[in-house]
mmCIF file of all heavy atoms, coordinates in Angstrom:
data_MODEL
# 
_entry.id   MODEL 
# 
loop_
_atom_site.group_PDB 
_atom_site.id 
_atom_site.type_symbol 
_atom_site.label_atom_id 
_atom_site.label_alt_id 
_atom_site.label_comp_id 
_atom_site.label_asym_id 
_atom_site.label_entity_id 
_atom_site.label_seq_id 
_atom_site.pdbx_PDB_ins_code 
_atom_site.Cartn_x 
_atom_site.Cartn_y 
_atom_site.Cartn_z 
_atom_site.occupancy 
_atom_site.B_iso_or_equiv 
_atom_site.pdbx_formal_charge 
_atom_site.auth_seq_id 
_atom_site.auth_comp_id 
_atom_site.auth_asym_id 
_atom_site.auth_atom_id 
_atom_site.pdbx_PDB_model_num 
ATOM 1   N N   . ALA A 1 1  ? 136.094 -38.169 -35.094 1.00 0.00 ? 1  ALA A N   1 
ATOM 2   C CA  . ALA A 1 1  ? 134.949 -37.259 -35.090 1.00 0.00 ? 1  ALA A CA  1 
ATOM 3   C C   . ALA A 1 1  ? 133.850 -37.698 -34.136 1.00 0.00 ? 1  ALA A C   1 
ATOM 4   O O   . ALA A 1 1  ? 133.149 -36.861 -33.557 1.00 0.00 ? 1  ALA A O   1 
ATOM 5   C CB  . ALA A 1 1  ? 134.386 -37.117 -36.503 1.00 0.00 ? 1  ALA A CB  1 
ATOM 6   N N   . LYS A 1 2  ? 133.685 -39.003 -33.936 1.00 0.00 ? 2  LYS A N   1 
ATOM 7   C CA  . LYS A 1 2  ? 132.628 -39.464 -33.036 1.00 0.00 ? 2  LYS A CA  1 
ATOM 8   C C   . LYS A 1 2  ? 132.816 -38.907 -31.626 1.00 0.00 ? 2  LYS A C   1 
ATOM 9   O O   . LYS A 1 2  ? 131.843 -38.597 -30.932 1.00 0.00 ? 2  LYS A O   1 
ATOM 10  C CB  . LYS A 1 2  ? 132.589 -40.993 -32.999 1.00 0.00 ? 2  LYS A CB  1 
ATOM 11  C CG  . LYS A 1 2  ? 132.003 -41.630 -34.257 1.00 0.00 ? 2  LYS A CG  1 
ATOM 12  C CD  . LYS A 1 2  ? 131.910 -43.137 -34.116 1.00 0.00 ? 2  LYS A CD  1 
ATOM 13  C CE  . LYS A 1 2  ? 131.285 -43.755 -35.365 1.00 0.00 ? 2  LYS A CE  1 
ATOM 14  N NZ  . LYS A 1 2  ? 131.205 -45.238 -35.256 1.00 0.00 ? 2  LYS A NZ  1 
ATOM 15  N N   . LYS A 1 3  ? 134.071 -38.789 -31.196 1.00 0.00 ? 3  LYS A N   1 
ATOM 16  C CA  . LYS A 1 3  ? 134.360 -38.221 -29.880 1.00 0.00 ? 3  LYS A CA  1 
ATOM 17  C C   . LYS A 1 3  ? 134.291 -36.697 -29.904 1.00 0.00 ? 3  LYS A C   1 
ATOM 18  O O   . LYS A 1 3  ? 134.024 -36.069 -28.879 1.00 0.00 ? 3  LYS A O   1 
ATOM 19  C CB  . LYS A 1 3  ? 135.744 -38.677 -29.398 1.00 0.00 ? 3  LYS A CB  1 
ATOM 20  C CG  . LYS A 1 3  ? 135.842 -40.169 -29.128 1.00 0.00 ? 3  LYS A CG  1 
ATOM 21  C CD  . LYS A 1 3  ? 137.232 -40.543 -28.650 1.00 0.00 ? 3  LYS A CD  1 
ATOM 22  C CE  . LYS A 1 3  ? 137.340 -42.040 -28.375 1.00 0.00 ? 3  LYS A CE  1 
ATOM 23  N NZ  . LYS A 1 3  ? 138.712 -42.423 -27.942 1.00 0.00 ? 3  LYS A NZ  1 
ATOM 24  N N   . PHE A 1 4  ? 134.548 -36.108 -31.073 1.00 0.00 ? 4  PHE A N   1 
ATOM 25  C CA  . PHE A 1 4  ? 134.498 -34.653 -31.202 1.00 0.00 ? 4  PHE A CA  1 
ATOM 26  C C   . PHE A 1 4  ? 133.055 -34.154 -31.184 1.00 0.00 ? 4  PHE A C   1 
ATOM 27  O O   . PHE A 1 4  ? 132.730 -33.157 -30.527 1.00 0.00 ? 4  PHE A O   1 
ATOM 28  C CB  . PHE A 1 4  ? 135.196 -34.223 -32.496 1.00 0.00 ? 4  PHE A CB  1 
ATOM 29  C CG  . PHE A 1 4  ? 135.121 -32.752 -32.778 1.00 0.00 ? 4  PHE A CG  1 
ATOM 30  C CD1 . PHE A 1 4  ? 135.878 -31.851 -32.050 1.00 0.00 ? 4  PHE A CD1 1 
ATOM 31  C CD2 . PHE A 1 4  ? 134.296 -32.266 -33.782 1.00 0.00 ? 4  PHE A CD2 1 
ATOM 32  C CE1 . PHE A 1 4  ? 135.807 -30.484 -32.310 1.00 0.00 ? 4  PHE A CE1 1 
ATOM 33  C CE2 . PHE A 1 4  ? 134.219 -30.909 -34.061 1.00 0.00 ? 4  PHE A CE2 1 
ATOM 34  C CZ  . PHE A 1 4  ? 134.978 -30.016 -33.314 1.00 0.00 ? 4  PHE A CZ  1 
ATOM 35  N N   . PHE A 1 5  ? 132.187 -34.852 -31.892 1.00 0.00 ? 5  PHE A N   1 
ATOM 36  C CA  . PHE A 1 5  ? 130.785 -34.428 -31.961 1.00 0.00 ? 5  PHE A CA  1 
ATOM 37  C C   . PHE A 1 5  ? 130.139 -34.483 -30.572 1.00 0.00 ? 5  PHE A C   1 
ATOM 38  O O   . PHE A 1 5  ? 130.300 -35.448 -29.830 1.00 0.00 ? 5  PHE A O   1 
ATOM 39  C CB  . PHE A 1 5  ? 129.998 -35.300 -32.936 1.00 0.00 ? 5  PHE A CB  1 
ATOM 40  C CG  . PHE A 1 5  ? 130.390 -35.110 -34.380 1.00 0.00 ? 5  PHE A CG  1 
ATOM 41  C CD1 . PHE A 1 5  ? 130.513 -36.197 -35.227 1.00 0.00 ? 5  PHE A CD1 1 
ATOM 42  C CD2 . PHE A 1 5  ? 130.621 -33.844 -34.901 1.00 0.00 ? 5  PHE A CD2 1 
ATOM 43  C CE1 . PHE A 1 5  ? 130.866 -36.034 -36.558 1.00 0.00 ? 5  PHE A CE1 1 
ATOM 44  C CE2 . PHE A 1 5  ? 130.988 -33.660 -36.230 1.00 0.00 ? 5  PHE A CE2 1 
ATOM 45  C CZ  . PHE A 1 5  ? 131.107 -34.756 -37.056 1.00 0.00 ? 5  PHE A CZ  1 
ATOM 46  N N   . GLY A 1 6  ? 129.431 -33.415 -30.255 1.00 0.00 ? 6  GLY A N   1 
ATOM 47  C CA  . GLY A 1 6  ? 128.781 -33.319 -28.949 1.00 0.00 ? 6  GLY A CA  1 
ATOM 48  C C   . GLY A 1 6  ? 129.632 -32.667 -27.880 1.00 0.00 ? 6  GLY A C   1 
ATOM 49  O O   . GLY A 1 6  ? 129.178 -32.491 -26.744 1.00 0.00 ? 6  GLY A O   1 
ATOM 50  N N   . SER A 1 7  ? 130.864 -32.283 -28.211 1.00 0.00 ? 7  SER A N   1 
ATOM 51  C CA  . SER A 1 7  ? 131.751 -31.683 -27.211 1.00 0.00 ? 7  SER A CA  1 
ATOM 52  C C   . SER A 1 7  ? 131.440 -30.207 -26.951 1.00 0.00 ? 7  SER A C   1 
ATOM 53  O O   . SER A 1 7  ? 131.932 -29.632 -25.989 1.00 0.00 ? 7  SER A O   1 
ATOM 54  C CB  . SER A 1 7  ? 133.214 -31.846 -27.632 1.00 0.00 ? 7  SER A CB  1 
ATOM 55  O OG  . SER A 1 7  ? 133.465 -31.200 -28.876 1.00 0.00 ? 7  SER A OG  1 
ATOM 56  N N   . ARG A 1 8  ? 130.671 -29.579 -27.836 1.00 0.00 ? 8  ARG A N   1 
ATOM 57  C CA  . ARG A 1 8  ? 130.200 -28.192 -27.684 1.00 0.00 ? 8  ARG A CA  1 
ATOM 58  C C   . ARG A 1 8  ? 131.339 -27.205 -27.396 1.00 0.00 ? 8  ARG A C   1 
ATOM 59  O O   . ARG A 1 8  ? 131.267 -26.395 -26.472 1.00 0.00 ? 8  ARG A O   1 
ATOM 60  C CB  . ARG A 1 8  ? 129.131 -28.112 -26.600 1.00 0.00 ? 8  ARG A CB  1 
ATOM 61  C CG  . ARG A 1 8  ? 127.900 -28.959 -26.888 1.00 0.00 ? 8  ARG A CG  1 
ATOM 62  C CD  . ARG A 1 8  ? 126.864 -28.836 -25.804 1.00 0.00 ? 8  ARG A CD  1 
ATOM 63  N NE  . ARG A 1 8  ? 126.325 -27.489 -25.702 1.00 0.00 ? 8  ARG A NE  1 
ATOM 64  C CZ  . ARG A 1 8  ? 125.345 -26.997 -26.460 1.00 0.00 ? 8  ARG A CZ  1 
ATOM 65  N NH1 . ARG A 1 8  ? 124.793 -27.764 -27.396 1.00 0.00 ? 8  ARG A NH1 1 
ATOM 66  N NH2 . ARG A 1 8  ? 124.920 -25.766 -26.296 1.00 0.00 ? 8  ARG A NH2 1 
ATOM 67  N N   . PRO A 1 9  ? 132.389 -27.228 -28.187 1.00 0.00 ? 9  PRO A N   1 
ATOM 68  C CA  . PRO A 1 9  ? 133.518 -26.325 -27.912 1.00 0.00 ? 9  PRO A CA  1 
ATOM 69  C C   . PRO A 1 9  ? 133.179 -24.857 -28.127 1.00 0.00 ? 9  PRO A C   1 
ATOM 70  O O   . PRO A 1 9  ? 133.716 -23.987 -27.427 1.00 0.00 ? 9  PRO A O   1 
ATOM 71  C CB  . PRO A 1 9  ? 134.594 -26.788 -28.889 1.00 0.00 ? 9  PRO A CB  1 
ATOM 72  C CG  . PRO A 1 9  ? 133.830 -27.397 -30.025 1.00 0.00 ? 9  PRO A CG  1 
ATOM 73  C CD  . PRO A 1 9  ? 132.642 -28.051 -29.380 1.00 0.00 ? 9  PRO A CD  1 
ATOM 74  N N   . PHE A 1 10 ? 132.298 -24.570 -29.082 1.00 0.00 ? 10 PHE A N   1 
ATOM 75  C CA  . PHE A 1 10 ? 132.039 -23.163 -29.393 1.00 0.00 ? 10 PHE A CA  1 
ATOM 76  C C   . PHE A 1 10 ? 131.334 -22.441 -28.247 1.00 0.00 ? 10 PHE A C   1 
ATOM 77  O O   . PHE A 1 10 ? 131.682 -21.302 -27.911 1.00 0.00 ? 10 PHE A O   1 
ATOM 78  C CB  . PHE A 1 10 ? 131.240 -23.048 -30.693 1.00 0.00 ? 10 PHE A CB  1 
ATOM 79  C CG  . PHE A 1 10 ? 132.031 -23.401 -31.909 1.00 0.00 ? 10 PHE A CG  1 
ATOM 80  C CD1 . PHE A 1 10 ? 131.993 -24.683 -32.435 1.00 0.00 ? 10 PHE A CD1 1 
ATOM 81  C CD2 . PHE A 1 10 ? 132.852 -22.463 -32.522 1.00 0.00 ? 10 PHE A CD2 1 
ATOM 82  C CE1 . PHE A 1 10 ? 132.746 -25.020 -33.547 1.00 0.00 ? 10 PHE A CE1 1 
ATOM 83  C CE2 . PHE A 1 10 ? 133.610 -22.786 -33.634 1.00 0.00 ? 10 PHE A CE2 1 
ATOM 84  C CZ  . PHE A 1 10 ? 133.552 -24.070 -34.150 1.00 0.00 ? 10 PHE A CZ  1 
ATOM 85  N N   . SER A 1 11 ? 130.364 -23.086 -27.632 1.00 0.00 ? 11 SER A N   1 
ATOM 86  C CA  . SER A 1 11 ? 129.701 -22.441 -26.504 1.00 0.00 ? 11 SER A CA  1 
ATOM 87  C C   . SER A 1 11 ? 130.658 -22.301 -25.325 1.00 0.00 ? 11 SER A C   1 
ATOM 88  O O   . SER A 1 11 ? 130.605 -21.302 -24.583 1.00 0.00 ? 11 SER A O   1 
ATOM 89  C CB  . SER A 1 11 ? 128.441 -23.212 -26.099 1.00 0.00 ? 11 SER A CB  1 
ATOM 90  O OG  . SER A 1 11 ? 128.722 -24.567 -25.844 1.00 0.00 ? 11 SER A OG  1 
ATOM 91  N N   . GLN A 1 12 ? 131.563 -23.260 -25.158 1.00 0.00 ? 12 GLN A N   1 
ATOM 92  C CA  . GLN A 1 12 ? 132.585 -23.140 -24.102 1.00 0.00 ? 12 GLN A CA  1 
ATOM 93  C C   . GLN A 1 12 ? 133.522 -21.974 -24.382 1.00 0.00 ? 12 GLN A C   1 
ATOM 94  O O   . GLN A 1 12 ? 133.869 -21.206 -23.472 1.00 0.00 ? 12 GLN A O   1 
ATOM 95  C CB  . GLN A 1 12 ? 133.398 -24.433 -24.008 1.00 0.00 ? 12 GLN A CB  1 
ATOM 96  C CG  . GLN A 1 12 ? 132.630 -25.641 -23.510 1.00 0.00 ? 12 GLN A CG  1 
ATOM 97  C CD  . GLN A 1 12 ? 133.545 -26.858 -23.435 1.00 0.00 ? 12 GLN A CD  1 
ATOM 98  O OE1 . GLN A 1 12 ? 134.515 -26.886 -22.679 1.00 0.00 ? 12 GLN A OE1 1 
ATOM 99  N NE2 . GLN A 1 12 ? 133.256 -27.870 -24.242 1.00 0.00 ? 12 GLN A NE2 1 
ATOM 100 N N   . ILE A 1 13 ? 133.947 -21.852 -25.639 1.00 0.00 ? 13 ILE A N   1 
ATOM 101 C CA  . ILE A 1 13 ? 134.821 -20.728 -26.009 1.00 0.00 ? 13 ILE A CA  1 
ATOM 102 C C   . ILE A 1 13 ? 134.094 -19.410 -25.765 1.00 0.00 ? 13 ILE A C   1 
ATOM 103 O O   . ILE A 1 13 ? 134.664 -18.468 -25.177 1.00 0.00 ? 13 ILE A O   1 
ATOM 104 C CB  . ILE A 1 13 ? 135.258 -20.841 -27.482 1.00 0.00 ? 13 ILE A CB  1 
ATOM 105 C CG1 . ILE A 1 13 ? 136.135 -22.071 -27.702 1.00 0.00 ? 13 ILE A CG1 1 
ATOM 106 C CG2 . ILE A 1 13 ? 136.005 -19.584 -27.913 1.00 0.00 ? 13 ILE A CG2 1 
ATOM 107 C CD1 . ILE A 1 13 ? 136.372 -22.412 -29.174 1.00 0.00 ? 13 ILE A CD1 1 
ATOM 108 N N   . ASP A 1 14 ? 132.839 -19.322 -26.210 1.00 0.00 ? 14 ASP A N   1 
ATOM 109 C CA  . ASP A 1 14 ? 132.086 -18.079 -26.055 1.00 0.00 ? 14 ASP A CA  1 
ATOM 110 C C   . ASP A 1 14 ? 131.960 -17.683 -24.586 1.00 0.00 ? 14 ASP A C   1 
ATOM 111 O O   . ASP A 1 14 ? 132.091 -16.500 -24.234 1.00 0.00 ? 14 ASP A O   1 
ATOM 112 C CB  . ASP A 1 14 ? 130.690 -18.234 -26.668 1.00 0.00 ? 14 ASP A CB  1 
ATOM 113 C CG  . ASP A 1 14 ? 130.713 -18.223 -28.191 1.00 0.00 ? 14 ASP A CG  1 
ATOM 114 O OD1 . ASP A 1 14 ? 131.766 -17.907 -28.778 1.00 0.00 ? 14 ASP A OD1 1 
ATOM 115 O OD2 . ASP A 1 14 ? 129.669 -18.539 -28.799 1.00 0.00 ? 14 ASP A OD2 1 
ATOM 116 N N   . GLU A 1 15 ? 131.720 -18.656 -23.734 1.00 0.00 ? 15 GLU A N   1 
ATOM 117 C CA  . GLU A 1 15 ? 131.595 -18.377 -22.298 1.00 0.00 ? 15 GLU A CA  1 
ATOM 118 C C   . GLU A 1 15 ? 132.911 -17.842 -21.739 1.00 0.00 ? 15 GLU A C   1 
ATOM 119 O O   . GLU A 1 15 ? 132.928 -16.878 -20.961 1.00 0.00 ? 15 GLU A O   1 
ATOM 120 C CB  . GLU A 1 15 ? 131.181 -19.656 -21.564 1.00 0.00 ? 15 GLU A CB  1 
ATOM 121 C CG  . GLU A 1 15 ? 130.954 -19.477 -20.081 1.00 0.00 ? 15 GLU A CG  1 
ATOM 122 C CD  . GLU A 1 15 ? 130.507 -20.763 -19.396 1.00 0.00 ? 15 GLU A CD  1 
ATOM 123 O OE1 . GLU A 1 15 ? 129.983 -21.658 -20.093 1.00 0.00 ? 15 GLU A OE1 1 
ATOM 124 O OE2 . GLU A 1 15 ? 130.688 -20.870 -18.171 1.00 0.00 ? 15 GLU A OE2 1 
ATOM 125 N N   . ALA A 1 16 ? 134.029 -18.463 -22.131 1.00 0.00 ? 16 ALA A N   1 
ATOM 126 C CA  . ALA A 1 16 ? 135.336 -18.030 -21.634 1.00 0.00 ? 16 ALA A CA  1 
ATOM 127 C C   . ALA A 1 16 ? 135.730 -16.669 -22.191 1.00 0.00 ? 16 ALA A C   1 
ATOM 128 O O   . ALA A 1 16 ? 136.321 -15.841 -21.478 1.00 0.00 ? 16 ALA A O   1 
ATOM 129 C CB  . ALA A 1 16 ? 136.399 -19.073 -21.986 1.00 0.00 ? 16 ALA A CB  1 
ATOM 130 N N   . VAL A 1 17 ? 135.399 -16.415 -23.448 1.00 0.00 ? 17 VAL A N   1 
ATOM 131 C CA  . VAL A 1 17 ? 135.685 -15.109 -24.057 1.00 0.00 ? 17 VAL A CA  1 
ATOM 132 C C   . VAL A 1 17 ? 134.927 -14.009 -23.325 1.00 0.00 ? 17 VAL A C   1 
ATOM 133 O O   . VAL A 1 17 ? 135.473 -12.937 -23.017 1.00 0.00 ? 17 VAL A O   1 
ATOM 134 C CB  . VAL A 1 17 ? 135.330 -15.131 -25.560 1.00 0.00 ? 17 VAL A CB  1 
ATOM 135 C CG1 . VAL A 1 17 ? 135.262 -13.715 -26.134 1.00 0.00 ? 17 VAL A CG1 1 
ATOM 136 C CG2 . VAL A 1 17 ? 136.354 -15.955 -26.337 1.00 0.00 ? 17 VAL A CG2 1 
ATOM 137 N N   . ALA A 1 18 ? 133.666 -14.278 -23.017 1.00 0.00 ? 18 ALA A N   1 
ATOM 138 C CA  . ALA A 1 18 ? 132.862 -13.295 -22.287 1.00 0.00 ? 18 ALA A CA  1 
ATOM 139 C C   . ALA A 1 18 ? 133.416 -13.062 -20.879 1.00 0.00 ? 18 ALA A C   1 
ATOM 140 O O   . ALA A 1 18 ? 133.501 -11.922 -20.406 1.00 0.00 ? 18 ALA A O   1 
ATOM 141 C CB  . ALA A 1 18 ? 131.410 -13.757 -22.216 1.00 0.00 ? 18 ALA A CB  1 
ATOM 142 N N   . ALA A 1 19 ? 133.817 -14.141 -20.210 1.00 0.00 ? 19 ALA A N   1 
ATOM 143 C CA  . ALA A 1 19 ? 134.354 -14.027 -18.850 1.00 0.00 ? 19 ALA A CA  1 
ATOM 144 C C   . ALA A 1 19 ? 135.652 -13.217 -18.825 1.00 0.00 ? 19 ALA A C   1 
ATOM 145 O O   . ALA A 1 19 ? 135.962 -12.547 -17.825 1.00 0.00 ? 19 ALA A O   1 
ATOM 146 C CB  . ALA A 1 19 ? 134.585 -15.418 -18.264 1.00 0.00 ? 19 ALA A CB  1 
ATOM 147 N N   . ALA A 1 20 ? 136.402 -13.275 -19.929 1.00 0.00 ? 20 ALA A N   1 
ATOM 148 C CA  . ALA A 1 20 ? 137.662 -12.528 -20.034 1.00 0.00 ? 20 ALA A CA  1 
ATOM 149 C C   . ALA A 1 20 ? 137.428 -11.057 -20.376 1.00 0.00 ? 20 ALA A C   1 
ATOM 150 O O   . ALA A 1 20 ? 138.384 -10.276 -20.402 1.00 0.00 ? 20 ALA A O   1 
ATOM 151 C CB  . ALA A 1 20 ? 138.563 -13.173 -21.073 1.00 0.00 ? 20 ALA A CB  1 
ATOM 152 N N   . GLY A 1 21 ? 136.179 -10.705 -20.670 1.00 0.00 ? 21 GLY A N   1 
ATOM 153 C CA  . GLY A 1 21 ? 135.868 -9.319  -20.992 1.00 0.00 ? 21 GLY A CA  1 
ATOM 154 C C   . GLY A 1 21 ? 136.069 -8.944  -22.441 1.00 0.00 ? 21 GLY A C   1 
ATOM 155 O O   . GLY A 1 21 ? 136.037 -7.757  -22.792 1.00 0.00 ? 21 GLY A O   1 
ATOM 156 N N   . HIS A 1 22 ? 136.249 -9.944  -23.313 1.00 0.00 ? 22 HIS A N   1 
ATOM 157 C CA  . HIS A 1 22 ? 136.423 -9.673  -24.739 1.00 0.00 ? 22 HIS A CA  1 
ATOM 158 C C   . HIS A 1 22 ? 135.066 -9.540  -25.433 1.00 0.00 ? 22 HIS A C   1 
ATOM 159 O O   . HIS A 1 22 ? 134.066 -10.099 -24.975 1.00 0.00 ? 22 HIS A O   1 
ATOM 160 C CB  . HIS A 1 22 ? 137.185 -10.821 -25.415 1.00 0.00 ? 22 HIS A CB  1 
ATOM 161 C CG  . HIS A 1 22 ? 138.579 -11.019 -24.914 1.00 0.00 ? 22 HIS A CG  1 
ATOM 162 N ND1 . HIS A 1 22 ? 139.528 -10.029 -24.933 1.00 0.00 ? 22 HIS A ND1 1 
ATOM 163 C CD2 . HIS A 1 22 ? 139.187 -12.123 -24.384 1.00 0.00 ? 22 HIS A CD2 1 
ATOM 164 C CE1 . HIS A 1 22 ? 140.667 -10.503 -24.435 1.00 0.00 ? 22 HIS A CE1 1 
ATOM 165 N NE2 . HIS A 1 22 ? 140.482 -11.763 -24.094 1.00 0.00 ? 22 HIS A NE2 1 
ATOM 166 N N   . ALA A 1 23 ? 135.062 -8.839  -26.552 1.00 0.00 ? 23 ALA A N   1 
ATOM 167 C CA  . ALA A 1 23 ? 133.882 -8.829  -27.409 1.00 0.00 ? 23 ALA A CA  1 
ATOM 168 C C   . ALA A 1 23 ? 133.662 -10.241 -27.943 1.00 0.00 ? 23 ALA A C   1 
ATOM 169 O O   . ALA A 1 23 ? 134.623 -10.977 -28.192 1.00 0.00 ? 23 ALA A O   1 
ATOM 170 C CB  . ALA A 1 23 ? 134.073 -7.849  -28.562 1.00 0.00 ? 23 ALA A CB  1 
ATOM 171 N N   . PRO A 1 24 ? 132.407 -10.659 -28.132 1.00 0.00 ? 24 PRO A N   1 
ATOM 172 C CA  . PRO A 1 24 ? 132.151 -12.018 -28.605 1.00 0.00 ? 24 PRO A CA  1 
ATOM 173 C C   . PRO A 1 24 ? 132.667 -12.248 -30.018 1.00 0.00 ? 24 PRO A C   1 
ATOM 174 O O   . PRO A 1 24 ? 132.785 -11.309 -30.808 1.00 0.00 ? 24 PRO A O   1 
ATOM 175 C CB  . PRO A 1 24 ? 130.626 -12.134 -28.547 1.00 0.00 ? 24 PRO A CB  1 
ATOM 176 C CG  . PRO A 1 24 ? 130.122 -10.735 -28.587 1.00 0.00 ? 24 PRO A CG  1 
ATOM 177 C CD  . PRO A 1 24 ? 131.165 -9.902  -27.912 1.00 0.00 ? 24 PRO A CD  1 
ATOM 178 N N   . VAL A 1 25 ? 132.964 -13.504 -30.312 1.00 0.00 ? 25 VAL A N   1 
ATOM 179 C CA  . VAL A 1 25 ? 133.353 -13.906 -31.667 1.00 0.00 ? 25 VAL A CA  1 
ATOM 180 C C   . VAL A 1 25 ? 132.083 -14.280 -32.429 1.00 0.00 ? 25 VAL A C   1 
ATOM 181 O O   . VAL A 1 25 ? 131.277 -15.079 -31.935 1.00 0.00 ? 25 VAL A O   1 
ATOM 182 C CB  . VAL A 1 25 ? 134.326 -15.102 -31.641 1.00 0.00 ? 25 VAL A CB  1 
ATOM 183 C CG1 . VAL A 1 25 ? 134.643 -15.568 -33.065 1.00 0.00 ? 25 VAL A CG1 1 
ATOM 184 C CG2 . VAL A 1 25 ? 135.601 -14.766 -30.883 1.00 0.00 ? 25 VAL A CG2 1 
ATOM 185 N N   . ASP A 1 26 ? 131.919 -13.728 -33.609 1.00 0.00 ? 26 ASP A N   1 
ATOM 186 C CA  . ASP A 1 26 ? 130.824 -14.145 -34.487 1.00 0.00 ? 26 ASP A CA  1 
ATOM 187 C C   . ASP A 1 26 ? 131.371 -15.249 -35.386 1.00 0.00 ? 26 ASP A C   1 
ATOM 188 O O   . ASP A 1 26 ? 132.155 -14.986 -36.298 1.00 0.00 ? 26 ASP A O   1 
ATOM 189 C CB  . ASP A 1 26 ? 130.321 -12.964 -35.318 1.00 0.00 ? 26 ASP A CB  1 
ATOM 190 C CG  . ASP A 1 26 ? 129.103 -13.318 -36.166 1.00 0.00 ? 26 ASP A CG  1 
ATOM 191 O OD1 . ASP A 1 26 ? 128.724 -14.518 -36.195 1.00 0.00 ? 26 ASP A OD1 1 
ATOM 192 O OD2 . ASP A 1 26 ? 128.548 -12.413 -36.812 1.00 0.00 ? 26 ASP A OD2 1 
# 
């Protein structure tokens, strides 16, 4: 978890989802 924390995966996913033209994930 120490390496996982701070990785900010959700904002990365949101950016990629938007770039793909998908509706955002809530």
